[in-house]
Amino acid sequence: MADLGCWPGSWLEVAGRVVGPRGRVVGIDLRPLDRPIDLPNVFAFEGDLCESADLERLRSELGKRADVVLCDASPKRTGVRVVDRAREAALLEAVEKALDALLSPGGSLLLKLLDAPEALSAERRLRRRFASARVLRLRATRRGSRERYLLARGFRPAEAGPAGESGPGKATTGRDREESP
């Protein structure tokens, strides 16, 4: 399992317990964890998902493609709408690009989305990459928060196109199935 934006570490710790001793959870964040996670199957490091060297390290630490990618990351807010939206778009694009390197075919994604046009656009693109997807609001979400999560299952990796270009796989755009999380 990969945890993108793993600070402060609570999701990382829960994921480590869920996958058990036979599983592996690797987290990456721009900030160090508040405290070490004392589980032998959990590893976290400071890094930037947008940097190819850090993405390669994440892949290496995983040992194989992940069955699940979690992303509870959100960009640091400035209060300037144009800047904040650009940062959100860049983060979502980085996650989207990283999926082909990190997520196994048929895998699942849980991705935080903020209520903004950039998130809606990313959600539409990502839905085409999975067999099913739906948007959830977690019970633990603060009242008034714009946070919601895309739960997507059945990942379809991009196929190499002409001259090595990659693009979305042959995804159907039919109605999404309802699934319980």
C-alpha atoms as a PDB file:
ATOM      1  CA  MET A   1       0.000   0.000   0.000  1.00  0.00           C
ATOM      2  CA  ALA A   2       1.245   3.488  -0.808  1.00  0.00           C
ATOM      3  CA  ASP A   3       0.276   6.533   1.271  1.00  0.00           C
ATOM      4  CA  LEU A   4       0.857   9.757  -0.664  1.00  0.00           C
ATOM      5  CA  GLY A   5       0.957  12.745   1.651  1.00  0.00           C
ATOM      6  CA  CYS A   6       1.326  10.572   4.756  1.00  0.00           C
ATOM      7  CA  TRP A   7       1.906  13.331   7.329  1.00  0.00           C
ATOM      8  CA  PRO A   8       1.063  13.290  10.260  1.00  0.00           C
ATOM      9  CA  GLY A   9       1.063   9.479  10.067  1.00  0.00           C
ATOM     10  CA  SER A  10      -2.298   8.348  11.421  1.00  0.00           C
ATOM     11  CA  TRP A  11      -3.541   6.836   8.135  1.00  0.00           C
ATOM     12  CA  LEU A  12      -0.132   5.219   7.683  1.00  0.00           C
ATOM     13  CA  GLU A  13      -0.371   3.571  11.100  1.00  0.00           C
ATOM     14  CA  VAL A  14      -3.915   2.317  10.525  1.00  0.00           C
ATOM     15  CA  ALA A  15      -2.942   0.993   7.081  1.00  0.00           C
ATOM     16  CA  GLY A  16       0.039  -0.856   8.598  1.00  0.00           C
ATOM     17  CA  ARG A  17      -2.266  -2.613  11.048  1.00  0.00           C
ATOM     18  CA  VAL A  18      -4.825  -3.411   8.328  1.00  0.00           C
ATOM     19  CA  VAL A  19      -2.342  -5.023   5.922  1.00  0.00           C
ATOM     20  CA  GLY A  20      -0.722  -6.980   8.751  1.00  0.00           C
ATOM     21  CA  PRO A  21       2.768  -8.466   8.908  1.00  0.00           C
ATOM     22  CA  ARG A  22       2.638  -9.854   5.369  1.00  0.00           C
ATOM     23  CA  GLY A  23       1.780  -6.491   3.832  1.00  0.00           C
ATOM     24  CA  ARG A  24       3.894  -3.384   3.335  1.00  0.00           C
ATOM     25  CA  VAL A  25       2.918   0.281   3.615  1.00  0.00           C
ATOM     26  CA  VAL A  26       5.177   3.021   2.320  1.00  0.00           C
ATOM     27  CA  GLY A  27       4.428   6.692   2.821  1.00  0.00           C
ATOM     28  CA  ILE A  28       5.836   9.873   1.335  1.00  0.00           C
ATOM     29  CA  ASP A  29       5.321  13.467   2.376  1.00  0.00           C
ATOM     30  CA  LEU A  30       7.055  16.826   2.155  1.00  0.00           C
ATOM     31  CA  ARG A  31       7.054  16.923   5.970  1.00  0.00           C
ATOM     32  CA  PRO A  32       8.507  14.399   8.406  1.00  0.00           C
ATOM     33  CA  LEU A  33       6.079  12.362  10.490  1.00  0.00           C
ATOM     34  CA  ASP A  34       5.202  13.778  13.894  1.00  0.00           C
ATOM     35  CA  ARG A  35       6.409  10.558  15.482  1.00  0.00           C
ATOM     36  CA  PRO A  36       7.861   7.288  14.171  1.00  0.00           C
ATOM     37  CA  ILE A  37       5.430   4.484  13.351  1.00  0.00           C
ATOM     38  CA  ASP A  38       6.513   1.469  15.398  1.00  0.00           C
ATOM     39  CA  LEU A  39       5.418  -1.210  12.934  1.00  0.00           C
ATOM     40  CA  PRO A  40       7.978  -3.293  11.015  1.00  0.00           C
ATOM     41  CA  ASN A  41       5.886  -3.256   7.819  1.00  0.00           C
ATOM     42  CA  VAL A  42       5.599   0.554   7.649  1.00  0.00           C
ATOM     43  CA  PHE A  43       8.171   2.895   6.133  1.00  0.00           C
ATOM     44  CA  ALA A  44       7.867   6.632   5.533  1.00  0.00           C
ATOM     45  CA  PHE A  45      10.214   9.208   4.111  1.00  0.00           C
ATOM     46  CA  GLU A  46      10.362  12.895   3.265  1.00  0.00           C
ATOM     47  CA  GLY A  47      10.001  13.438  -0.443  1.00  0.00           C
ATOM     48  CA  ASP A  48       8.093  15.119  -3.217  1.00  0.00           C
ATOM     49  CA  LEU A  49       5.800  13.056  -5.397  1.00  0.00           C
ATOM     50  CA  CYS A  50       6.552  15.455  -8.266  1.00  0.00           C
ATOM     51  CA  GLU A  51      10.259  14.526  -8.187  1.00  0.00           C
ATOM     52  CA  SER A  52      11.119  11.471 -10.281  1.00  0.00           C
ATOM     53  CA  ALA A  53      13.867  10.362  -7.857  1.00  0.00           C
ATOM     54  CA  ASP A  54      11.409  10.389  -4.939  1.00  0.00           C
ATOM     55  CA  LEU A  55       8.781   8.526  -6.966  1.00  0.00           C
ATOM     56  CA  GLU A  56      11.415   5.914  -7.867  1.00  0.00           C
ATOM     57  CA  ARG A  57      12.387   5.580  -4.208  1.00  0.00           C
ATOM     58  CA  LEU A  58       8.733   5.038  -3.305  1.00  0.00           C
ATOM     59  CA  ARG A  59       8.466   2.304  -5.948  1.00  0.00           C
ATOM     60  CA  SER A  60      11.651   0.701  -4.689  1.00  0.00           C
ATOM     61  CA  GLU A  61      10.550   0.753  -1.039  1.00  0.00           C
ATOM     62  CA  LEU A  62       7.219  -0.828  -1.993  1.00  0.00           C
ATOM     63  CA  GLY A  63       9.015  -3.718  -3.705  1.00  0.00           C
ATOM     64  CA  LYS A  64       6.106  -4.193  -6.100  1.00  0.00           C
ATOM     65  CA  ARG A  65       3.093  -2.250  -7.284  1.00  0.00           C
ATOM     66  CA  ALA A  66       0.631  -1.427  -4.530  1.00  0.00           C
ATOM     67  CA  ASP A  67      -2.840  -2.923  -4.329  1.00  0.00           C
ATOM     68  CA  VAL A  68      -4.058   0.323  -2.757  1.00  0.00           C
ATOM     69  CA  VAL A  69      -2.974   3.950  -3.052  1.00  0.00           C
ATOM     70  CA  LEU A  70      -4.164   6.351  -0.362  1.00  0.00           C
ATOM     71  CA  CYS A  71      -3.808  10.085  -0.812  1.00  0.00           C
ATOM     72  CA  ASP A  72      -5.001  12.387   1.951  1.00  0.00           C
ATOM     73  CA  ALA A  73      -2.633  15.149   0.852  1.00  0.00           C
ATOM     74  CA  SER A  74      -3.627  18.722   0.288  1.00  0.00           C
ATOM     75  CA  PRO A  75      -1.423  21.617  -0.760  1.00  0.00           C
ATOM     76  CA  LYS A  76      -0.365  24.288   1.686  1.00  0.00           C
ATOM     77  CA  ARG A  77      -2.926  27.093   1.481  1.00  0.00           C
ATOM     78  CA  THR A  78      -1.942  30.692   0.830  1.00  0.00           C
ATOM     79  CA  GLY A  79      -5.377  32.299   0.897  1.00  0.00           C
ATOM     80  CA  VAL A  80      -4.902  33.441  -2.698  1.00  0.00           C
ATOM     81  CA  ARG A  81      -7.507  31.513  -4.672  1.00  0.00           C
ATOM     82  CA  VAL A  82      -5.569  31.392  -7.962  1.00  0.00           C
ATOM     83  CA  VAL A  83      -2.414  30.094  -6.244  1.00  0.00           C
ATOM     84  CA  ASP A  84      -4.292  27.578  -4.093  1.00  0.00           C
ATOM     85  CA  ARG A  85      -6.192  26.179  -7.076  1.00  0.00           C
ATOM     86  CA  ALA A  86      -2.988  25.886  -9.123  1.00  0.00           C
ATOM     87  CA  ARG A  87      -1.343  23.974  -6.262  1.00  0.00           C
ATOM     88  CA  GLU A  88      -4.355  21.661  -5.953  1.00  0.00           C
ATOM     89  CA  ALA A  89      -4.292  20.994  -9.699  1.00  0.00           C
ATOM     90  CA  ALA A  90      -0.534  20.255  -9.625  1.00  0.00           C
ATOM     91  CA  LEU A  91      -0.951  17.824  -6.724  1.00  0.00           C
ATOM     92  CA  LEU A  92      -3.826  15.976  -8.411  1.00  0.00           C
ATOM     93  CA  GLU A  93      -1.860  15.746 -11.669  1.00  0.00           C
ATOM     94  CA  ALA A  94       1.147  14.336  -9.794  1.00  0.00           C
ATOM     95  CA  VAL A  95      -1.018  11.672  -8.141  1.00  0.00           C
ATOM     96  CA  GLU A  96      -2.669  10.832 -11.449  1.00  0.00           C
ATOM     97  CA  LYS A  97       0.708  10.449 -13.192  1.00  0.00           C
ATOM     98  CA  ALA A  98       2.113   8.343 -10.335  1.00  0.00           C
ATOM     99  CA  LEU A  99      -0.679   5.757 -10.528  1.00  0.00           C
ATOM    100  CA  ASP A 100       0.805   3.911 -13.519  1.00  0.00           C
ATOM    101  CA  ALA A 101       4.085   3.521 -11.634  1.00  0.00           C
ATOM    102  CA  LEU A 102       2.589   2.659  -8.248  1.00  0.00           C
ATOM    103  CA  LEU A 103      -0.797   0.962  -8.551  1.00  0.00           C
ATOM    104  CA  SER A 104      -1.280  -2.606  -9.703  1.00  0.00           C
ATOM    105  CA  PRO A 105      -3.912  -3.422 -12.338  1.00  0.00           C
ATOM    106  CA  GLY A 106      -7.225  -3.938 -10.557  1.00  0.00           C
ATOM    107  CA  GLY A 107      -6.013  -1.898  -7.569  1.00  0.00           C
ATOM    108  CA  SER A 108      -7.899   0.717  -5.574  1.00  0.00           C
ATOM    109  CA  LEU A 109      -7.467   4.425  -4.931  1.00  0.00           C
ATOM    110  CA  LEU A 110      -8.745   6.600  -2.091  1.00  0.00           C
ATOM    111  CA  LEU A 111      -8.022  10.231  -2.978  1.00  0.00           C
ATOM    112  CA  LYS A 112      -8.887  13.429  -1.113  1.00  0.00           C
ATOM    113  CA  LEU A 113     -10.597  15.993  -3.329  1.00  0.00           C
ATOM    114  CA  LEU A 114     -11.410  19.567  -2.447  1.00  0.00           C
ATOM    115  CA  ASP A 115     -14.510  21.189  -3.825  1.00  0.00           C
ATOM    116  CA  ALA A 116     -12.939  23.075  -6.745  1.00  0.00           C
ATOM    117  CA  PRO A 117     -13.086  22.941 -10.561  1.00  0.00           C
ATOM    118  CA  GLU A 118      -9.615  21.357 -10.677  1.00  0.00           C
ATOM    119  CA  ALA A 119     -10.775  18.498  -8.462  1.00  0.00           C
ATOM    120  CA  LEU A 120     -13.869  17.922 -10.601  1.00  0.00           C
ATOM    121  CA  SER A 121     -11.731  17.740 -13.724  1.00  0.00           C
ATOM    122  CA  ALA A 122      -9.296  15.285 -12.087  1.00  0.00           C
ATOM    123  CA  GLU A 123     -12.217  13.216 -10.807  1.00  0.00           C
ATOM    124  CA  ARG A 124     -13.633  12.896 -14.340  1.00  0.00           C
ATOM    125  CA  ARG A 125     -10.265  11.803 -15.734  1.00  0.00           C
ATOM    126  CA  LEU A 126      -9.655   9.317 -12.935  1.00  0.00           C
ATOM    127  CA  ARG A 127     -13.111   7.744 -13.226  1.00  0.00           C
ATOM    128  CA  ARG A 128     -12.167   6.642 -16.749  1.00  0.00           C
ATOM    129  CA  ARG A 129      -9.131   4.806 -15.343  1.00  0.00           C
ATOM    130  CA  PHE A 130     -11.134   2.594 -12.941  1.00  0.00           C
ATOM    131  CA  ALA A 131     -13.907   0.032 -13.276  1.00  0.00           C
ATOM    132  CA  SER A 132     -15.948   1.803 -10.594  1.00  0.00           C
ATOM    133  CA  ALA A 133     -15.703   5.021  -8.643  1.00  0.00           C
ATOM    134  CA  ARG A 134     -17.767   7.086  -6.271  1.00  0.00           C
ATOM    135  CA  VAL A 135     -17.330  10.159  -4.124  1.00  0.00           C
ATOM    136  CA  LEU A 136     -17.649   9.914  -0.349  1.00  0.00           C
ATOM    137  CA  ARG A 137     -17.694  12.278   2.589  1.00  0.00           C
ATOM    138  CA  LEU A 138     -16.145  10.648   5.627  1.00  0.00           C
ATOM    139  CA  ARG A 139     -18.039  10.873   8.917  1.00  0.00           C
ATOM    140  CA  ALA A 140     -14.890  12.275  10.538  1.00  0.00           C
ATOM    141  CA  THR A 141     -14.817  15.237   8.117  1.00  0.00           C
ATOM    142  CA  ARG A 142     -15.192  18.551   9.941  1.00  0.00           C
ATOM    143  CA  ARG A 143     -18.486  20.354   9.476  1.00  0.00           C
ATOM    144  CA  GLY A 144     -18.153  23.001   6.766  1.00  0.00           C
ATOM    145  CA  SER A 145     -15.109  21.311   5.227  1.00  0.00           C
ATOM    146  CA  ARG A 146     -14.946  21.055   1.440  1.00  0.00           C
ATOM    147  CA  GLU A 147     -13.145  17.699   1.661  1.00  0.00           C
ATOM    148  CA  ARG A 148     -14.515  14.644  -0.063  1.00  0.00           C
ATOM    149  CA  TYR A 149     -12.859  11.445  -1.234  1.00  0.00           C
ATOM    150  CA  LEU A 150     -12.843   9.558  -4.498  1.00  0.00           C
ATOM    151  CA  LEU A 151     -12.983   5.808  -3.874  1.00  0.00           C
ATOM    152  CA  ALA A 152     -12.047   4.060  -7.094  1.00  0.00           C
ATOM    153  CA  ARG A 153     -11.650   0.323  -7.678  1.00  0.00           C
ATOM    154  CA  GLY A 154     -10.452  -1.787 -10.577  1.00  0.00           C
ATOM    155  CA  PHE A 155      -7.522   0.303 -11.858  1.00  0.00           C
ATOM    156  CA  ARG A 156      -6.851   0.171 -15.587  1.00  0.00           C
ATOM    157  CA  PRO A 157      -3.245   1.169 -16.340  1.00  0.00           C
ATOM    158  CA  ALA A 158      -2.525   3.468 -19.253  1.00  0.00           C
ATOM    159  CA  GLU A 159      -1.583   1.753 -22.478  1.00  0.00           C
ATOM    160  CA  ALA A 160       1.452   2.805 -24.454  1.00  0.00           C
ATOM    161  CA  GLY A 161       0.381   4.621 -27.594  1.00  0.00           C
ATOM    162  CA  PRO A 162       2.389   5.498 -30.706  1.00  0.00           C
ATOM    163  CA  ALA A 163       6.052   6.302 -30.030  1.00  0.00           C
ATOM    164  CA  GLY A 164       5.715   5.307 -26.375  1.00  0.00           C
ATOM    165  CA  GLU A 165       3.042   7.874 -25.508  1.00  0.00           C
ATOM    166  CA  SER A 166       0.755   6.855 -22.726  1.00  0.00           C
ATOM    167  CA  GLY A 167      -2.893   7.605 -22.292  1.00  0.00           C
ATOM    168  CA  PRO A 168      -5.918   6.239 -20.530  1.00  0.00           C
ATOM    169  CA  GLY A 169      -6.664   2.574 -21.045  1.00  0.00           C
ATOM    170  CA  LYS A 170      -9.781   1.365 -22.783  1.00  0.00           C
ATOM    171  CA  ALA A 171     -12.201   2.526 -20.150  1.00  0.00           C
ATOM    172  CA  THR A 172     -15.929   2.570 -20.493  1.00  0.00           C
ATOM    173  CA  THR A 173     -17.883   5.564 -19.347  1.00  0.00           C
ATOM    174  CA  GLY A 174     -20.959   3.665 -18.235  1.00  0.00           C
ATOM    175  CA  ARG A 175     -22.782   4.340 -15.015  1.00  0.00           C
ATOM    176  CA  ASP A 176     -20.693   3.700 -11.911  1.00  0.00           C
ATOM    177  CA  ARG A 177     -21.643   0.868  -9.654  1.00  0.00           C
ATOM    178  CA  GLU A 178     -22.433   1.640  -6.039  1.00  0.00           C
ATOM    179  CA  GLU A 179     -20.103  -0.100  -3.645  1.00  0.00           C
ATOM    180  CA  SER A 180     -19.686   0.097   0.086  1.00  0.00           C
ATOM    181  CA  PRO A 181     -16.267   1.373   1.206  1.00  0.00           C
END
